[in-house]
Amino acid sequence: MEDQHYNGDIWNREAFALLKKFGWSRIGDYDMDIKGEDGKKMGIDTIVKFDTPLKAKPQLAVLEAKRYETKSFNKIFLQDWIERLDKKLLKLRNSAPFVEKFPDVDNCTISDVGIIAIWFSDIDNYKIFRPKFDEALVQVSVSTRTRRAGVNRIYVLDNTRFMRLFALQNAIETIKDRENGEFNFLYSPRYISGLPLVRQKTLTIENIFSDIIFAEFKCGGEMISYIFYFGQLDLNSFRFLRNAYSKTSLWDKCIKIVLYVYDADDEFRKIENDIKTNIFDGFNVSIMKMARNNNIPDFLLNLTENEQ
């Protein structure tokens, strides 16, 4: 149990360091005791915040990190983690000691978002284990308390989501290393209730769970459109992608498109040309690949004090 706690603490720092690459910030330290509205102390792994076009203020979230082997996991653990995190969020919501200790939270949303970040360390067994984990997620029972009592959103990230983030971060670093310029994620009006398109450097929690991420890169007088795609690799899915892209301000045949595709196999090569010439007919499209990385990247394993 002591080793599990130690490894969990390391993963807590690694998980946040990755999110920091996407514009997230930490409030306070790691592994803190914080008083809730009832005056009792609670153990909190990490308090984070990030900008979002969905809110007028930065979104506040509680990040809880878990590191397990697949053979040690039980669906009862997941239910317990979610219930405990839900209670912590409610107790922080109206906690004067919390705001007193961290005045910055007063400039954020209420504490209505929780994130459980799980890394299954025996990666060779993860692929076989994943259906069991999906089943555990489906079987989680959600609180039925009244809306007046407070509704929280709790997201569960495991290896699958983190492997996508590893690939996305690597692709963005490659783009930035190639030329100096300004990189921004795009949030289309279609997905933010009719509001104007938003450009920001932060990747939101909602986009972490999206199969399609839009971005742009300005270099000198040139604009390049980037699409990061994590979905199914069939023509119908890419037609849906094209339709989603048409709702952005980059729907312009004069703008070059770079389409990054995640975990493409040999079968994808058979439709690659159709994507360029038929689905994106008339556009200047190049296709790049994002490889699946089953391991925690070296840069997270060798964090400096400033990167944590």
C-alpha atoms as a PDB file:
ATOM      1  CA  MET A   1       0.000   0.000   0.000  1.00  0.00           C
ATOM      2  CA  GLU A   2       2.889   2.369   0.754  1.00  0.00           C
ATOM      3  CA  ASP A   3       4.372   1.734  -2.712  1.00  0.00           C
ATOM      4  CA  GLN A   4       0.963   2.338  -4.272  1.00  0.00           C
ATOM      5  CA  HIS A   5       0.654   5.687  -2.481  1.00  0.00           C
ATOM      6  CA  TYR A   6       4.200   6.657  -3.523  1.00  0.00           C
ATOM      7  CA  ASN A   7       3.585   5.701  -7.161  1.00  0.00           C
ATOM      8  CA  GLY A   8       0.255   7.516  -7.071  1.00  0.00           C
ATOM      9  CA  ASP A   9       1.982  10.668  -5.869  1.00  0.00           C
ATOM     10  CA  ILE A  10       4.487  10.461  -8.721  1.00  0.00           C
ATOM     11  CA  TRP A  11       1.694   9.903 -11.255  1.00  0.00           C
ATOM     12  CA  ASN A  12      -0.179  12.871  -9.770  1.00  0.00           C
ATOM     13  CA  ARG A  13       2.742  15.125 -10.697  1.00  0.00           C
ATOM     14  CA  GLU A  14       3.165  13.506 -14.105  1.00  0.00           C
ATOM     15  CA  ALA A  15      -0.538  13.795 -14.955  1.00  0.00           C
ATOM     16  CA  PHE A  16      -0.621  17.481 -14.050  1.00  0.00           C
ATOM     17  CA  ALA A  17       2.631  18.170 -15.936  1.00  0.00           C
ATOM     18  CA  LEU A  18       0.958  16.792 -19.061  1.00  0.00           C
ATOM     19  CA  LEU A  19      -2.153  18.933 -18.574  1.00  0.00           C
ATOM     20  CA  LYS A  20       0.102  21.928 -17.968  1.00  0.00           C
ATOM     21  CA  LYS A  21       1.367  21.459 -21.533  1.00  0.00           C
ATOM     22  CA  PHE A  22      -2.214  22.155 -22.638  1.00  0.00           C
ATOM     23  CA  GLY A  23      -2.564  25.401 -20.713  1.00  0.00           C
ATOM     24  CA  TRP A  24      -3.820  24.153 -17.331  1.00  0.00           C
ATOM     25  CA  SER A  25      -2.618  25.723 -14.064  1.00  0.00           C
ATOM     26  CA  ARG A  26      -2.249  24.366 -10.546  1.00  0.00           C
ATOM     27  CA  ILE A  27      -3.560  26.081  -7.424  1.00  0.00           C
ATOM     28  CA  GLY A  28      -1.606  25.295  -4.281  1.00  0.00           C
ATOM     29  CA  ASP A  29       0.617  22.256  -3.849  1.00  0.00           C
ATOM     30  CA  TYR A  30       0.191  18.521  -4.341  1.00  0.00           C
ATOM     31  CA  ASP A  31      -1.426  16.194  -1.812  1.00  0.00           C
ATOM     32  CA  MET A  32      -3.022  18.853   0.392  1.00  0.00           C
ATOM     33  CA  ASP A  33      -5.337  18.819   3.391  1.00  0.00           C
ATOM     34  CA  ILE A  34      -8.110  21.341   2.780  1.00  0.00           C
ATOM     35  CA  LYS A  35     -11.053  22.214   5.025  1.00  0.00           C
ATOM     36  CA  GLY A  36     -14.532  21.865   3.577  1.00  0.00           C
ATOM     37  CA  GLU A  37     -17.553  23.941   4.526  1.00  0.00           C
ATOM     38  CA  ASP A  38     -18.040  21.680   7.571  1.00  0.00           C
ATOM     39  CA  GLY A  39     -14.573  22.628   8.866  1.00  0.00           C
ATOM     40  CA  LYS A  40     -13.229  19.092   8.476  1.00  0.00           C
ATOM     41  CA  LYS A  41     -10.029  18.433   6.540  1.00  0.00           C
ATOM     42  CA  MET A  42     -10.077  16.456   3.298  1.00  0.00           C
ATOM     43  CA  GLY A  43      -7.163  15.027   1.362  1.00  0.00           C
ATOM     44  CA  ILE A  44      -6.940  16.622  -2.101  1.00  0.00           C
ATOM     45  CA  ASP A  45      -4.395  15.483  -4.694  1.00  0.00           C
ATOM     46  CA  THR A  46      -4.401  18.599  -6.887  1.00  0.00           C
ATOM     47  CA  ILE A  47      -6.536  21.683  -7.537  1.00  0.00           C
ATOM     48  CA  VAL A  48      -6.388  22.822 -11.170  1.00  0.00           C
ATOM     49  CA  LYS A  49      -7.956  25.481 -13.363  1.00  0.00           C
ATOM     50  CA  PHE A  50      -8.213  26.029 -17.103  1.00  0.00           C
ATOM     51  CA  ASP A  51      -9.804  28.554 -19.457  1.00  0.00           C
ATOM     52  CA  THR A  52     -12.923  27.452 -21.294  1.00  0.00           C
ATOM     53  CA  PRO A  53     -15.223  29.205 -23.782  1.00  0.00           C
ATOM     54  CA  LEU A  54     -18.165  27.657 -21.932  1.00  0.00           C
ATOM     55  CA  LYS A  55     -17.657  29.794 -18.811  1.00  0.00           C
ATOM     56  CA  ALA A  56     -16.969  33.458 -18.109  1.00  0.00           C
ATOM     57  CA  LYS A  57     -14.341  32.446 -15.522  1.00  0.00           C
ATOM     58  CA  PRO A  58     -11.645  29.748 -15.559  1.00  0.00           C
ATOM     59  CA  GLN A  59     -13.000  26.310 -14.744  1.00  0.00           C
ATOM     60  CA  LEU A  60     -11.969  25.014 -11.313  1.00  0.00           C
ATOM     61  CA  ALA A  61     -11.438  21.259 -10.976  1.00  0.00           C
ATOM     62  CA  VAL A  62     -10.187  18.723  -8.459  1.00  0.00           C
ATOM     63  CA  LEU A  63      -7.746  16.189  -9.920  1.00  0.00           C
ATOM     64  CA  GLU A  64      -7.365  12.843  -8.160  1.00  0.00           C
ATOM     65  CA  ALA A  65      -4.576  10.563  -9.447  1.00  0.00           C
ATOM     66  CA  LYS A  66      -4.553   6.773  -9.174  1.00  0.00           C
ATOM     67  CA  ARG A  67      -1.884   4.329 -10.318  1.00  0.00           C
ATOM     68  CA  TYR A  68      -2.775   0.634 -10.314  1.00  0.00           C
ATOM     69  CA  GLU A  69      -1.981  -2.654 -11.958  1.00  0.00           C
ATOM     70  CA  THR A  70      -4.910  -4.088 -13.889  1.00  0.00           C
ATOM     71  CA  LYS A  71      -4.974  -7.193 -11.692  1.00  0.00           C
ATOM     72  CA  SER A  72      -5.423  -5.002  -8.591  1.00  0.00           C
ATOM     73  CA  PHE A  73      -8.368  -3.022  -9.987  1.00  0.00           C
ATOM     74  CA  ASN A  74     -11.931  -3.675  -8.883  1.00  0.00           C
ATOM     75  CA  LYS A  75     -15.032  -1.877 -10.141  1.00  0.00           C
ATOM     76  CA  ILE A  76     -15.920  -1.194  -6.499  1.00  0.00           C
ATOM     77  CA  PHE A  77     -12.834   1.035  -6.332  1.00  0.00           C
ATOM     78  CA  LEU A  78     -14.107   3.180  -9.214  1.00  0.00           C
ATOM     79  CA  GLN A  79     -17.532   3.631  -7.627  1.00  0.00           C
ATOM     80  CA  ASP A  80     -15.899   4.588  -4.327  1.00  0.00           C
ATOM     81  CA  TRP A  81     -13.484   7.053  -5.972  1.00  0.00           C
ATOM     82  CA  ILE A  82     -16.329   8.800  -7.778  1.00  0.00           C
ATOM     83  CA  GLU A  83     -18.539   9.020  -4.688  1.00  0.00           C
ATOM     84  CA  ARG A  84     -15.720  10.381  -2.535  1.00  0.00           C
ATOM     85  CA  LEU A  85     -14.715  12.940  -5.139  1.00  0.00           C
ATOM     86  CA  ASP A  86     -18.325  14.021  -5.556  1.00  0.00           C
ATOM     87  CA  LYS A  87     -18.573  14.672  -1.805  1.00  0.00           C
ATOM     88  CA  LYS A  88     -15.296  16.608  -1.791  1.00  0.00           C
ATOM     89  CA  LEU A  89     -16.548  18.878  -4.586  1.00  0.00           C
ATOM     90  CA  LEU A  90     -19.740  19.632  -2.676  1.00  0.00           C
ATOM     91  CA  LYS A  91     -17.859  20.396   0.538  1.00  0.00           C
ATOM     92  CA  LEU A  92     -15.444  22.715  -1.267  1.00  0.00           C
ATOM     93  CA  ARG A  93     -18.223  24.598  -3.035  1.00  0.00           C
ATOM     94  CA  ASN A  94     -19.156  26.824  -0.108  1.00  0.00           C
ATOM     95  CA  SER A  95     -15.984  26.467   1.926  1.00  0.00           C
ATOM     96  CA  ALA A  96     -14.766  29.772   3.349  1.00  0.00           C
ATOM     97  CA  PRO A  97     -11.471  28.188   4.569  1.00  0.00           C
ATOM     98  CA  PHE A  98     -10.814  26.985   0.986  1.00  0.00           C
ATOM     99  CA  VAL A  99     -11.187  30.492  -0.467  1.00  0.00           C
ATOM    100  CA  GLU A 100      -9.242  31.955   2.439  1.00  0.00           C
ATOM    101  CA  LYS A 101      -6.318  29.623   1.831  1.00  0.00           C
ATOM    102  CA  PHE A 102      -6.418  30.005  -1.969  1.00  0.00           C
ATOM    103  CA  PRO A 103      -7.921  33.407  -2.889  1.00  0.00           C
ATOM    104  CA  ASP A 104      -7.423  32.614  -6.587  1.00  0.00           C
ATOM    105  CA  VAL A 105     -10.347  30.164  -6.511  1.00  0.00           C
ATOM    106  CA  ASP A 106     -12.690  33.111  -5.944  1.00  0.00           C
ATOM    107  CA  ASN A 107     -11.925  34.171  -9.530  1.00  0.00           C
ATOM    108  CA  CYS A 108     -12.872  30.718 -10.887  1.00  0.00           C
ATOM    109  CA  THR A 109     -16.103  28.800 -11.333  1.00  0.00           C
ATOM    110  CA  ILE A 110     -17.565  26.877  -8.420  1.00  0.00           C
ATOM    111  CA  SER A 111     -16.009  23.493  -7.696  1.00  0.00           C
ATOM    112  CA  ASP A 112     -18.313  21.400  -9.885  1.00  0.00           C
ATOM    113  CA  VAL A 113     -15.754  19.421 -11.936  1.00  0.00           C
ATOM    114  CA  GLY A 114     -13.732  16.446 -10.777  1.00  0.00           C
ATOM    115  CA  ILE A 115     -11.183  14.419 -12.723  1.00  0.00           C
ATOM    116  CA  ILE A 116     -10.015  10.930 -11.846  1.00  0.00           C
ATOM    117  CA  ALA A 117      -6.744  10.217 -13.646  1.00  0.00           C
ATOM    118  CA  ILE A 118      -5.936   6.493 -13.626  1.00  0.00           C
ATOM    119  CA  TRP A 119      -2.765   4.969 -15.050  1.00  0.00           C
ATOM    120  CA  PHE A 120      -2.613   1.188 -15.293  1.00  0.00           C
ATOM    121  CA  SER A 121       1.101   0.475 -15.049  1.00  0.00           C
ATOM    122  CA  ASP A 122       1.126  -3.078 -16.419  1.00  0.00           C
ATOM    123  CA  ILE A 123       0.684  -1.805 -19.961  1.00  0.00           C
ATOM    124  CA  ASP A 124       1.149  -5.216 -21.604  1.00  0.00           C
ATOM    125  CA  ASN A 125      -2.094  -6.362 -19.971  1.00  0.00           C
ATOM    126  CA  TYR A 126      -4.022  -3.148 -20.562  1.00  0.00           C
ATOM    127  CA  LYS A 127      -5.457  -3.984 -24.006  1.00  0.00           C
ATOM    128  CA  ILE A 128      -7.040  -7.195 -22.713  1.00  0.00           C
ATOM    129  CA  PHE A 129      -8.185  -5.423 -19.534  1.00  0.00           C
ATOM    130  CA  ARG A 130      -9.796  -2.405 -21.232  1.00  0.00           C
ATOM    131  CA  PRO A 131     -13.248  -4.027 -21.871  1.00  0.00           C
ATOM    132  CA  LYS A 132     -13.462  -4.820 -18.155  1.00  0.00           C
ATOM    133  CA  PHE A 133     -12.751  -1.188 -17.334  1.00  0.00           C
ATOM    134  CA  ASP A 134     -15.371   0.004 -19.854  1.00  0.00           C
ATOM    135  CA  GLU A 135     -17.876  -2.294 -18.182  1.00  0.00           C
ATOM    136  CA  ALA A 136     -17.005  -0.821 -14.786  1.00  0.00           C
ATOM    137  CA  LEU A 137     -17.633   2.690 -16.140  1.00  0.00           C
ATOM    138  CA  VAL A 138     -21.054   1.708 -17.459  1.00  0.00           C
ATOM    139  CA  GLN A 139     -22.014   0.178 -14.124  1.00  0.00           C
ATOM    140  CA  VAL A 140     -21.177   3.264 -12.055  1.00  0.00           C
ATOM    141  CA  SER A 141     -24.283   4.532 -10.265  1.00  0.00           C
ATOM    142  CA  VAL A 142     -24.722   8.285 -10.310  1.00  0.00           C
ATOM    143  CA  SER A 143     -26.115  10.364  -7.454  1.00  0.00           C
ATOM    144  CA  THR A 144     -29.797  11.270  -7.831  1.00  0.00           C
ATOM    145  CA  ARG A 145     -29.789  14.186  -5.411  1.00  0.00           C
ATOM    146  CA  THR A 146     -31.778  17.270  -6.374  1.00  0.00           C
ATOM    147  CA  ARG A 147     -30.272  19.927  -8.579  1.00  0.00           C
ATOM    148  CA  ARG A 148     -30.572  22.378  -5.706  1.00  0.00           C
ATOM    149  CA  ALA A 149     -28.077  20.299  -3.725  1.00  0.00           C
ATOM    150  CA  GLY A 150     -25.539  20.687  -6.533  1.00  0.00           C
ATOM    151  CA  VAL A 151     -24.665  18.791  -9.690  1.00  0.00           C
ATOM    152  CA  ASN A 152     -21.065  17.812 -10.383  1.00  0.00           C
ATOM    153  CA  ARG A 153     -19.374  16.518 -13.503  1.00  0.00           C
ATOM    154  CA  ILE A 154     -16.735  13.861 -12.908  1.00  0.00           C
ATOM    155  CA  TYR A 155     -14.486  12.739 -15.752  1.00  0.00           C
ATOM    156  CA  VAL A 156     -12.491   9.513 -15.705  1.00  0.00           C
ATOM    157  CA  LEU A 157      -9.276   9.448 -17.726  1.00  0.00           C
ATOM    158  CA  ASP A 158      -7.344   6.222 -18.072  1.00  0.00           C
ATOM    159  CA  ASN A 159      -4.516   5.010 -20.341  1.00  0.00           C
ATOM    160  CA  THR A 160      -6.604   5.343 -23.518  1.00  0.00           C
ATOM    161  CA  ARG A 161      -7.195   9.070 -23.012  1.00  0.00           C
ATOM    162  CA  PHE A 162      -3.677   9.691 -21.825  1.00  0.00           C
ATOM    163  CA  MET A 163      -2.172   7.892 -24.822  1.00  0.00           C
ATOM    164  CA  ARG A 164      -4.147  10.252 -27.046  1.00  0.00           C
ATOM    165  CA  LEU A 165      -2.822  13.229 -25.098  1.00  0.00           C
ATOM    166  CA  PHE A 166       0.742  11.896 -25.419  1.00  0.00           C
ATOM    167  CA  ALA A 167       0.297  11.741 -29.200  1.00  0.00           C
ATOM    168  CA  LEU A 168      -1.368  15.166 -29.399  1.00  0.00           C
ATOM    169  CA  GLN A 169       1.321  16.832 -27.321  1.00  0.00           C
ATOM    170  CA  ASN A 170       4.054  15.280 -29.442  1.00  0.00           C
ATOM    171  CA  ALA A 171       2.372  16.475 -32.656  1.00  0.00           C
ATOM    172  CA  ILE A 172       1.996  20.025 -31.341  1.00  0.00           C
ATOM    173  CA  GLU A 173       5.633  20.121 -30.216  1.00  0.00           C
ATOM    174  CA  THR A 174       6.661  19.015 -33.713  1.00  0.00           C
ATOM    175  CA  ILE A 175       4.593  21.821 -35.240  1.00  0.00           C
ATOM    176  CA  LYS A 176       6.049  24.447 -32.908  1.00  0.00           C
ATOM    177  CA  ASP A 177       9.630  23.214 -33.367  1.00  0.00           C
ATOM    178  CA  ARG A 178       9.351  23.466 -37.136  1.00  0.00           C
ATOM    179  CA  GLU A 179       8.669  27.229 -37.196  1.00  0.00           C
ATOM    180  CA  ASN A 180       8.039  30.095 -34.812  1.00  0.00           C
ATOM    181  CA  GLY A 181       4.414  31.063 -34.756  1.00  0.00           C
ATOM    182  CA  GLU A 182       1.198  31.200 -32.731  1.00  0.00           C
ATOM    183  CA  PHE A 183      -0.708  27.991 -32.058  1.00  0.00           C
ATOM    184  CA  ASN A 184      -4.319  28.045 -30.840  1.00  0.00           C
ATOM    185  CA  PHE A 185      -7.121  25.561 -30.365  1.00  0.00           C
ATOM    186  CA  LEU A 186     -10.397  26.500 -32.041  1.00  0.00           C
ATOM    187  CA  TYR A 187     -13.795  26.210 -30.408  1.00  0.00           C
ATOM    188  CA  SER A 188     -16.483  26.329 -33.043  1.00  0.00           C
ATOM    189  CA  PRO A 189     -19.836  28.099 -32.494  1.00  0.00           C
ATOM    190  CA  ARG A 190     -21.513  24.800 -33.337  1.00  0.00           C
ATOM    191  CA  TYR A 191     -20.203  23.354 -30.097  1.00  0.00           C
ATOM    192  CA  ILE A 192     -20.591  26.356 -27.814  1.00  0.00           C
ATOM    193  CA  SER A 193     -24.266  27.252 -28.164  1.00  0.00           C
ATOM    194  CA  GLY A 194     -24.105  29.782 -30.953  1.00  0.00           C
ATOM    195  CA  LEU A 195     -21.372  31.931 -29.429  1.00  0.00           C
ATOM    196  CA  PRO A 196     -18.630  33.384 -31.663  1.00  0.00           C
ATOM    197  CA  LEU A 197     -15.672  31.183 -32.518  1.00  0.00           C
ATOM    198  CA  VAL A 198     -13.071  31.181 -29.745  1.00  0.00           C
ATOM    199  CA  ARG A 199      -9.306  30.825 -30.103  1.00  0.00           C
ATOM    200  CA  GLN A 200      -7.337  29.864 -27.024  1.00  0.00           C
ATOM    201  CA  LYS A 201      -4.162  28.057 -26.036  1.00  0.00           C
ATOM    202  CA  THR A 202      -5.952  25.818 -23.536  1.00  0.00           C
ATOM    203  CA  LEU A 203      -7.380  22.398 -24.317  1.00  0.00           C
ATOM    204  CA  THR A 204     -10.608  21.969 -22.357  1.00  0.00           C
ATOM    205  CA  ILE A 205     -11.705  18.800 -20.581  1.00  0.00           C
ATOM    206  CA  GLU A 206     -14.538  18.428 -23.102  1.00  0.00           C
ATOM    207  CA  ASN A 207     -12.050  18.432 -25.982  1.00  0.00           C
ATOM    208  CA  ILE A 208      -9.910  15.814 -24.238  1.00  0.00           C
ATOM    209  CA  PHE A 209     -12.904  13.511 -24.717  1.00  0.00           C
ATOM    210  CA  SER A 210     -13.538  14.587 -28.304  1.00  0.00           C
ATOM    211  CA  ASP A 211     -12.466  12.577 -31.354  1.00  0.00           C
ATOM    212  CA  ILE A 212     -11.955  15.828 -33.295  1.00  0.00           C
ATOM    213  CA  ILE A 213      -9.788  18.754 -32.225  1.00  0.00           C
ATOM    214  CA  PHE A 214      -9.430  21.848 -34.409  1.00  0.00           C
ATOM    215  CA  ALA A 215      -6.477  24.226 -34.214  1.00  0.00           C
ATOM    216  CA  GLU A 216      -4.647  26.852 -36.232  1.00  0.00           C
ATOM    217  CA  PHE A 217      -1.052  27.956 -36.556  1.00  0.00           C
ATOM    218  CA  LYS A 218      -0.119  31.467 -37.647  1.00  0.00           C
ATOM    219  CA  CYS A 219       3.397  31.907 -38.965  1.00  0.00           C
ATOM    220  CA  GLY A 220       4.238  35.238 -40.513  1.00  0.00           C
ATOM    221  CA  GLY A 221       1.449  35.969 -42.954  1.00  0.00           C
ATOM    222  CA  GLU A 222       0.471  32.319 -43.400  1.00  0.00           C
ATOM    223  CA  MET A 223      -2.366  30.498 -41.680  1.00  0.00           C
ATOM    224  CA  ILE A 224      -2.374  26.707 -41.446  1.00  0.00           C
ATOM    225  CA  SER A 225      -5.385  24.736 -40.270  1.00  0.00           C
ATOM    226  CA  TYR A 226      -4.738  21.665 -38.120  1.00  0.00           C
ATOM    227  CA  ILE A 227      -7.192  18.865 -37.475  1.00  0.00           C
ATOM    228  CA  PHE A 228      -6.304  16.197 -34.903  1.00  0.00           C
ATOM    229  CA  TYR A 229      -8.470  13.144 -35.426  1.00  0.00           C
ATOM    230  CA  PHE A 230      -8.860  10.223 -33.001  1.00  0.00           C
ATOM    231  CA  GLY A 231     -11.987   8.539 -34.350  1.00  0.00           C
ATOM    232  CA  GLN A 232     -12.895   5.613 -36.555  1.00  0.00           C
ATOM    233  CA  LEU A 233     -10.803   5.217 -39.700  1.00  0.00           C
ATOM    234  CA  ASP A 234     -13.505   4.784 -42.342  1.00  0.00           C
ATOM    235  CA  LEU A 235     -14.784   7.073 -45.095  1.00  0.00           C
ATOM    236  CA  ASN A 236     -18.123   7.846 -43.438  1.00  0.00           C
ATOM    237  CA  SER A 237     -16.308   9.046 -40.323  1.00  0.00           C
ATOM    238  CA  PHE A 238     -14.121  11.345 -42.408  1.00  0.00           C
ATOM    239  CA  ARG A 239     -17.224  12.713 -44.144  1.00  0.00           C
ATOM    240  CA  PHE A 240     -18.575  13.598 -40.698  1.00  0.00           C
ATOM    241  CA  LEU A 241     -15.205  15.199 -39.910  1.00  0.00           C
ATOM    242  CA  ARG A 242     -15.437  17.319 -43.071  1.00  0.00           C
ATOM    243  CA  ASN A 243     -18.932  18.462 -42.108  1.00  0.00           C
ATOM    244  CA  ALA A 244     -17.742  19.450 -38.621  1.00  0.00           C
ATOM    245  CA  TYR A 245     -14.793  21.317 -40.141  1.00  0.00           C
ATOM    246  CA  SER A 246     -17.167  23.278 -42.396  1.00  0.00           C
ATOM    247  CA  LYS A 247     -18.590  24.948 -39.262  1.00  0.00           C
ATOM    248  CA  THR A 248     -15.266  26.625 -38.446  1.00  0.00           C
ATOM    249  CA  SER A 249     -13.894  29.908 -39.768  1.00  0.00           C
ATOM    250  CA  LEU A 250     -11.103  27.969 -41.513  1.00  0.00           C
ATOM    251  CA  TRP A 251     -13.549  26.569 -44.094  1.00  0.00           C
ATOM    252  CA  ASP A 252     -11.580  28.226 -46.871  1.00  0.00           C
ATOM    253  CA  LYS A 253      -9.916  26.525 -49.840  1.00  0.00           C
ATOM    254  CA  CYS A 254      -7.089  29.028 -49.658  1.00  0.00           C
ATOM    255  CA  ILE A 255      -6.048  27.736 -46.223  1.00  0.00           C
ATOM    256  CA  LYS A 256      -3.802  24.690 -46.088  1.00  0.00           C
ATOM    257  CA  ILE A 257      -5.085  21.789 -43.975  1.00  0.00           C
ATOM    258  CA  VAL A 258      -2.851  19.396 -42.073  1.00  0.00           C
ATOM    259  CA  LEU A 259      -4.847  16.390 -40.877  1.00  0.00           C
ATOM    260  CA  TYR A 260      -3.226  14.392 -38.073  1.00  0.00           C
ATOM    261  CA  VAL A 261      -4.670  10.872 -37.787  1.00  0.00           C
ATOM    262  CA  TYR A 262      -4.217   8.778 -34.639  1.00  0.00           C
ATOM    263  CA  ASP A 263      -3.149   5.144 -34.656  1.00  0.00           C
ATOM    264  CA  ALA A 264      -3.584   4.602 -38.402  1.00  0.00           C
ATOM    265  CA  ASP A 265      -3.084   1.021 -39.589  1.00  0.00           C
ATOM    266  CA  ASP A 266      -2.241  -0.448 -42.995  1.00  0.00           C
ATOM    267  CA  GLU A 267      -5.930  -0.467 -43.960  1.00  0.00           C
ATOM    268  CA  PHE A 268      -6.005   3.321 -43.636  1.00  0.00           C
ATOM    269  CA  ARG A 269      -3.596   3.656 -46.565  1.00  0.00           C
ATOM    270  CA  LYS A 270      -6.339   2.297 -48.844  1.00  0.00           C
ATOM    271  CA  ILE A 271      -8.621   5.278 -48.160  1.00  0.00           C
ATOM    272  CA  GLU A 272      -5.996   7.985 -47.642  1.00  0.00           C
ATOM    273  CA  ASN A 273      -6.156   9.208 -51.232  1.00  0.00           C
ATOM    274  CA  ASP A 274      -9.989   9.239 -51.195  1.00  0.00           C
ATOM    275  CA  ILE A 275      -9.889  11.520 -48.151  1.00  0.00           C
ATOM    276  CA  LYS A 276      -7.672  13.990 -49.988  1.00  0.00           C
ATOM    277  CA  THR A 277      -9.269  13.924 -53.446  1.00  0.00           C
ATOM    278  CA  ASN A 278     -12.936  13.166 -52.748  1.00  0.00           C
ATOM    279  CA  ILE A 279     -13.907  14.132 -49.208  1.00  0.00           C
ATOM    280  CA  PHE A 280     -11.700  17.247 -49.097  1.00  0.00           C
ATOM    281  CA  ASP A 281     -11.949  17.893 -52.835  1.00  0.00           C
ATOM    282  CA  GLY A 282     -10.483  21.278 -53.777  1.00  0.00           C
ATOM    283  CA  PHE A 283      -8.599  21.727 -50.499  1.00  0.00           C
ATOM    284  CA  ASN A 284      -4.838  21.567 -50.040  1.00  0.00           C
ATOM    285  CA  VAL A 285      -4.712  18.672 -47.574  1.00  0.00           C
ATOM    286  CA  SER A 286      -1.730  16.768 -46.233  1.00  0.00           C
ATOM    287  CA  ILE A 287      -2.101  13.820 -43.855  1.00  0.00           C
ATOM    288  CA  MET A 288       0.228  13.098 -40.954  1.00  0.00           C
ATOM    289  CA  LYS A 289       0.181  10.193 -38.524  1.00  0.00           C
ATOM    290  CA  MET A 290       0.106  10.222 -34.720  1.00  0.00           C
ATOM    291  CA  ALA A 291       1.521   7.006 -33.293  1.00  0.00           C
ATOM    292  CA  ARG A 292       0.018   5.308 -30.253  1.00  0.00           C
ATOM    293  CA  ASN A 293       2.436   5.518 -27.316  1.00  0.00           C
ATOM    294  CA  ASN A 294       1.577   2.952 -24.646  1.00  0.00           C
ATOM    295  CA  ASN A 295       4.240   4.234 -22.252  1.00  0.00           C
ATOM    296  CA  ILE A 296       4.531   7.418 -20.222  1.00  0.00           C
ATOM    297  CA  PRO A 297       6.823   9.702 -22.304  1.00  0.00           C
ATOM    298  CA  ASP A 298      10.358  10.417 -21.173  1.00  0.00           C
ATOM    299  CA  PHE A 299       9.693  14.100 -20.564  1.00  0.00           C
ATOM    300  CA  LEU A 300       7.123  13.179 -17.887  1.00  0.00           C
ATOM    301  CA  LEU A 301       9.428  10.632 -16.285  1.00  0.00           C
ATOM    302  CA  ASN A 302      12.225  13.210 -15.976  1.00  0.00           C
ATOM    303  CA  LEU A 303      10.392  16.326 -14.786  1.00  0.00           C
ATOM    304  CA  THR A 304      12.359  19.285 -13.496  1.00  0.00           C
ATOM    305  CA  GLU A 305      11.014  21.219 -10.527  1.00  0.00           C
ATOM    306  CA  ASN A 306       9.655  23.960 -12.825  1.00  0.00           C
ATOM    307  CA  GLU A 307       7.816  21.433 -15.008  1.00  0.00           C
ATOM    308  CA  GLN A 308       5.916  19.878 -12.113  1.00  0.00           C
END
